[in-house]
């Protein structure tokens, strides 16, 4: 049974393993971002809260728990919840699922598709043939494009 600080460290590591995820510290807090958008708030190192996530599918269930509440500053209206420390064991597996859902709600679709793909082996370097010369185009004074020709 992990302590609260151990659970927070594990959840932070889990969030940062997502594609394009970065750790930033706005307002002195730890947040996980994907492409510049926050998908998990972890708060201050000394805070008693566990995290803040954006939920859609698990939102009603999460709000039914005594340690989960709508996030302040108007964020709760769009599905953001604050998860405080529960009494007893910290359900780390469930919180990881909530991080997955928050990531899916915030991340661009390309990052989500990349997270679902199986890891690929590195591709070998391919030597390419030189590009063939093509007709050069120019703009005439009237804005039309055409090919250059030597005969006028």
C-alpha atoms as a PDB file:
ATOM      1  CA  UNK A   1       0.000   0.000   0.000  1.00  0.00           C
ATOM      2  CA  UNK A   2       1.795   3.157  -1.185  1.00  0.00           C
ATOM      3  CA  UNK A   3       1.823   6.335   0.858  1.00  0.00           C
ATOM      4  CA  UNK A   4       0.282   9.490  -0.602  1.00  0.00           C
ATOM      5  CA  UNK A   5       3.669  10.874  -1.703  1.00  0.00           C
ATOM      6  CA  UNK A   6       4.645   7.536  -3.283  1.00  0.00           C
ATOM      7  CA  UNK A   7       1.300   7.380  -5.098  1.00  0.00           C
ATOM      8  CA  UNK A   8       1.701  10.962  -6.384  1.00  0.00           C
ATOM      9  CA  UNK A   9       5.225  10.187  -7.624  1.00  0.00           C
ATOM     10  CA  UNK A  10       3.987   7.055  -9.399  1.00  0.00           C
ATOM     11  CA  UNK A  11       1.085   8.947 -11.004  1.00  0.00           C
ATOM     12  CA  UNK A  12       3.394  11.751 -12.144  1.00  0.00           C
ATOM     13  CA  UNK A  13       5.750   9.210 -13.724  1.00  0.00           C
ATOM     14  CA  UNK A  14       2.755   7.520 -15.378  1.00  0.00           C
ATOM     15  CA  UNK A  15       1.482  10.808 -16.830  1.00  0.00           C
ATOM     16  CA  UNK A  16       4.901  11.804 -18.153  1.00  0.00           C
ATOM     17  CA  UNK A  17       5.218   8.470 -20.000  1.00  0.00           C
ATOM     18  CA  UNK A  18       2.427   9.579 -22.370  1.00  0.00           C
ATOM     19  CA  UNK A  19       3.479  10.682 -25.896  1.00  0.00           C
ATOM     20  CA  UNK A  20       4.512  14.363 -26.057  1.00  0.00           C
ATOM     21  CA  UNK A  21       3.970  14.801 -22.286  1.00  0.00           C
ATOM     22  CA  UNK A  22       6.109  17.353 -20.458  1.00  0.00           C
ATOM     23  CA  UNK A  23       6.460  18.484 -16.861  1.00  0.00           C
ATOM     24  CA  UNK A  24       6.056  22.200 -16.196  1.00  0.00           C
ATOM     25  CA  UNK A  25       5.756  24.302 -13.050  1.00  0.00           C
ATOM     26  CA  UNK A  26       3.318  27.194 -13.513  1.00  0.00           C
ATOM     27  CA  UNK A  27       2.388  28.874 -10.233  1.00  0.00           C
ATOM     28  CA  UNK A  28       4.995  26.645  -8.546  1.00  0.00           C
ATOM     29  CA  UNK A  29       2.831  23.566  -9.103  1.00  0.00           C
ATOM     30  CA  UNK A  30       3.647  20.371 -10.971  1.00  0.00           C
ATOM     31  CA  UNK A  31       1.537  19.928 -14.100  1.00  0.00           C
ATOM     32  CA  UNK A  32       1.716  17.441 -16.945  1.00  0.00           C
ATOM     33  CA  UNK A  33       1.141  18.997 -20.360  1.00  0.00           C
ATOM     34  CA  UNK A  34       0.701  17.626 -23.849  1.00  0.00           C
ATOM     35  CA  UNK A  35       1.520  20.022 -26.687  1.00  0.00           C
ATOM     36  CA  UNK A  36       1.279  22.979 -24.301  1.00  0.00           C
ATOM     37  CA  UNK A  37      -2.077  22.007 -22.751  1.00  0.00           C
ATOM     38  CA  UNK A  38      -2.421  20.787 -19.161  1.00  0.00           C
ATOM     39  CA  UNK A  39      -3.949  17.340 -18.785  1.00  0.00           C
ATOM     40  CA  UNK A  40      -3.091  16.702 -15.112  1.00  0.00           C
ATOM     41  CA  UNK A  41      -2.579  19.128 -12.225  1.00  0.00           C
ATOM     42  CA  UNK A  42      -0.487  17.603  -9.438  1.00  0.00           C
ATOM     43  CA  UNK A  43      -0.363  20.702  -7.252  1.00  0.00           C
ATOM     44  CA  UNK A  44       2.437  21.715  -4.945  1.00  0.00           C
ATOM     45  CA  UNK A  45       4.834  19.136  -3.566  1.00  0.00           C
ATOM     46  CA  UNK A  46       3.393  19.731  -0.091  1.00  0.00           C
ATOM     47  CA  UNK A  47      -0.308  19.761  -1.043  1.00  0.00           C
ATOM     48  CA  UNK A  48      -2.676  17.172   0.384  1.00  0.00           C
ATOM     49  CA  UNK A  49      -4.492  16.789  -2.938  1.00  0.00           C
ATOM     50  CA  UNK A  50      -3.594  14.013  -5.322  1.00  0.00           C
ATOM     51  CA  UNK A  51      -4.354  15.541  -8.727  1.00  0.00           C
ATOM     52  CA  UNK A  52      -6.774  17.406 -10.945  1.00  0.00           C
ATOM     53  CA  UNK A  53      -8.002  15.814 -14.194  1.00  0.00           C
ATOM     54  CA  UNK A  54     -10.553  16.456 -16.948  1.00  0.00           C
ATOM     55  CA  UNK A  55     -13.113  13.650 -17.060  1.00  0.00           C
ATOM     56  CA  UNK A  56     -16.080  12.890 -19.284  1.00  0.00           C
ATOM     57  CA  UNK A  57     -16.904   9.160 -19.045  1.00  0.00           C
ATOM     58  CA  UNK A  58     -15.938   8.723 -15.382  1.00  0.00           C
ATOM     59  CA  UNK A  59     -17.124  12.191 -14.290  1.00  0.00           C
ATOM     60  CA  UNK A  60     -20.370  11.195 -12.547  1.00  0.00           C
ATOM     61  CA  UNK A  61     -18.754   8.262 -10.756  1.00  0.00           C
ATOM     62  CA  UNK A  62     -15.789  10.389  -9.683  1.00  0.00           C
ATOM     63  CA  UNK A  63     -18.032  13.139  -8.325  1.00  0.00           C
ATOM     64  CA  UNK A  64     -19.929  10.544  -6.266  1.00  0.00           C
ATOM     65  CA  UNK A  65     -16.762   9.783  -4.286  1.00  0.00           C
ATOM     66  CA  UNK A  66     -16.296  11.782  -1.066  1.00  0.00           C
ATOM     67  CA  UNK A  67     -12.729  12.843  -1.937  1.00  0.00           C
ATOM     68  CA  UNK A  68     -13.506  14.216  -5.437  1.00  0.00           C
ATOM     69  CA  UNK A  69     -15.009  17.650  -6.121  1.00  0.00           C
ATOM     70  CA  UNK A  70     -15.492  19.979  -9.066  1.00  0.00           C
ATOM     71  CA  UNK A  71     -12.396  22.107  -9.647  1.00  0.00           C
ATOM     72  CA  UNK A  72     -12.572  25.811  -8.887  1.00  0.00           C
ATOM     73  CA  UNK A  73     -12.037  28.848 -11.119  1.00  0.00           C
ATOM     74  CA  UNK A  74     -14.859  27.693 -13.419  1.00  0.00           C
ATOM     75  CA  UNK A  75     -12.925  24.630 -14.595  1.00  0.00           C
ATOM     76  CA  UNK A  76     -15.452  22.287 -12.995  1.00  0.00           C
ATOM     77  CA  UNK A  77     -18.039  23.362 -15.589  1.00  0.00           C
ATOM     78  CA  UNK A  78     -15.999  21.669 -18.309  1.00  0.00           C
ATOM     79  CA  UNK A  79     -15.362  18.421 -16.442  1.00  0.00           C
ATOM     80  CA  UNK A  80     -12.240  19.200 -14.385  1.00  0.00           C
ATOM     81  CA  UNK A  81     -12.225  17.632 -10.915  1.00  0.00           C
ATOM     82  CA  UNK A  82      -9.899  17.865  -7.925  1.00  0.00           C
ATOM     83  CA  UNK A  83      -8.971  14.546  -6.378  1.00  0.00           C
ATOM     84  CA  UNK A  84      -8.078  14.832  -2.689  1.00  0.00           C
ATOM     85  CA  UNK A  85      -6.366  12.168  -0.615  1.00  0.00           C
ATOM     86  CA  UNK A  86      -8.825   9.356   0.121  1.00  0.00           C
ATOM     87  CA  UNK A  87      -9.077   7.796   3.551  1.00  0.00           C
ATOM     88  CA  UNK A  88      -7.294   4.481   3.470  1.00  0.00           C
ATOM     89  CA  UNK A  89      -5.554   3.064   0.422  1.00  0.00           C
ATOM     90  CA  UNK A  90      -4.923   5.243  -2.635  1.00  0.00           C
ATOM     91  CA  UNK A  91      -6.571   3.582  -5.691  1.00  0.00           C
ATOM     92  CA  UNK A  92      -3.605   4.179  -7.988  1.00  0.00           C
ATOM     93  CA  UNK A  93      -4.928   1.973 -10.830  1.00  0.00           C
ATOM     94  CA  UNK A  94      -8.198   3.934 -10.985  1.00  0.00           C
ATOM     95  CA  UNK A  95      -6.306   7.237 -10.908  1.00  0.00           C
ATOM     96  CA  UNK A  96      -4.133   6.024 -13.795  1.00  0.00           C
ATOM     97  CA  UNK A  97      -7.328   5.346 -15.790  1.00  0.00           C
ATOM     98  CA  UNK A  98      -8.468   8.893 -15.014  1.00  0.00           C
ATOM     99  CA  UNK A  99      -5.115  10.229 -16.262  1.00  0.00           C
ATOM    100  CA  UNK A 100      -5.650   8.236 -19.475  1.00  0.00           C
ATOM    101  CA  UNK A 101      -9.101   9.776 -19.890  1.00  0.00           C
ATOM    102  CA  UNK A 102      -7.863  13.292 -19.159  1.00  0.00           C
ATOM    103  CA  UNK A 103      -5.042  12.844 -21.672  1.00  0.00           C
ATOM    104  CA  UNK A 104      -7.559  11.679 -24.297  1.00  0.00           C
ATOM    105  CA  UNK A 105      -9.769  14.708 -23.572  1.00  0.00           C
ATOM    106  CA  UNK A 106      -6.931  17.237 -23.911  1.00  0.00           C
ATOM    107  CA  UNK A 107      -4.337  15.803 -26.297  1.00  0.00           C
ATOM    108  CA  UNK A 108      -4.448  16.357 -30.054  1.00  0.00           C
ATOM    109  CA  UNK A 109      -5.782  13.372 -31.985  1.00  0.00           C
ATOM    110  CA  UNK A 110      -2.326  12.631 -33.487  1.00  0.00           C
ATOM    111  CA  UNK A 111      -0.789  12.160 -30.046  1.00  0.00           C
ATOM    112  CA  UNK A 112      -3.635   9.863 -28.997  1.00  0.00           C
ATOM    113  CA  UNK A 113      -3.238   7.727 -32.118  1.00  0.00           C
ATOM    114  CA  UNK A 114       0.501   7.500 -31.464  1.00  0.00           C
ATOM    115  CA  UNK A 115      -0.117   6.366 -27.868  1.00  0.00           C
ATOM    116  CA  UNK A 116      -2.255   3.459 -29.100  1.00  0.00           C
ATOM    117  CA  UNK A 117       0.259   2.182 -31.636  1.00  0.00           C
ATOM    118  CA  UNK A 118       2.615  -0.626 -30.777  1.00  0.00           C
ATOM    119  CA  UNK A 119       6.226   0.531 -30.599  1.00  0.00           C
ATOM    120  CA  UNK A 120       7.986   0.121 -33.935  1.00  0.00           C
ATOM    121  CA  UNK A 121      11.516  -0.987 -34.617  1.00  0.00           C
ATOM    122  CA  UNK A 122      13.753   1.775 -35.952  1.00  0.00           C
ATOM    123  CA  UNK A 123      13.649   2.065 -39.728  1.00  0.00           C
ATOM    124  CA  UNK A 124      16.902   1.453 -41.598  1.00  0.00           C
ATOM    125  CA  UNK A 125      18.376   4.388 -43.457  1.00  0.00           C
ATOM    126  CA  UNK A 126      17.354   4.430 -47.102  1.00  0.00           C
ATOM    127  CA  UNK A 127      19.548   6.011 -49.724  1.00  0.00           C
ATOM    128  CA  UNK A 128      17.449   7.960 -52.160  1.00  0.00           C
ATOM    129  CA  UNK A 129      18.176   8.648 -55.813  1.00  0.00           C
ATOM    130  CA  UNK A 130      18.843  12.277 -56.666  1.00  0.00           C
ATOM    131  CA  UNK A 131      15.782  14.262 -57.674  1.00  0.00           C
ATOM    132  CA  UNK A 132      15.176  14.812 -61.353  1.00  0.00           C
ATOM    133  CA  UNK A 133      15.303  18.300 -62.754  1.00  0.00           C
ATOM    134  CA  UNK A 134      11.890  19.799 -63.467  1.00  0.00           C
ATOM    135  CA  UNK A 135      10.771  22.703 -65.614  1.00  0.00           C
ATOM    136  CA  UNK A 136      11.236  25.951 -63.737  1.00  0.00           C
ATOM    137  CA  UNK A 137       8.240  28.160 -63.377  1.00  0.00           C
ATOM    138  CA  UNK A 138       8.113  31.899 -63.218  1.00  0.00           C
ATOM    139  CA  UNK A 139       5.496  34.540 -62.776  1.00  0.00           C
ATOM    140  CA  UNK A 140       4.787  36.866 -65.596  1.00  0.00           C
ATOM    141  CA  UNK A 141       3.979  40.475 -64.879  1.00  0.00           C
ATOM    142  CA  UNK A 142       0.230  39.753 -64.900  1.00  0.00           C
ATOM    143  CA  UNK A 143       0.472  37.189 -62.058  1.00  0.00           C
ATOM    144  CA  UNK A 144       0.063  34.078 -64.216  1.00  0.00           C
ATOM    145  CA  UNK A 145       2.389  31.136 -63.819  1.00  0.00           C
ATOM    146  CA  UNK A 146       4.018  29.554 -66.796  1.00  0.00           C
ATOM    147  CA  UNK A 147       7.109  27.751 -67.891  1.00  0.00           C
ATOM    148  CA  UNK A 148      10.148  29.664 -68.973  1.00  0.00           C
ATOM    149  CA  UNK A 149      10.968  29.338 -72.568  1.00  0.00           C
ATOM    150  CA  UNK A 150      13.863  30.623 -74.570  1.00  0.00           C
ATOM    151  CA  UNK A 151      11.731  31.558 -77.558  1.00  0.00           C
ATOM    152  CA  UNK A 152       9.721  34.740 -77.419  1.00  0.00           C
END
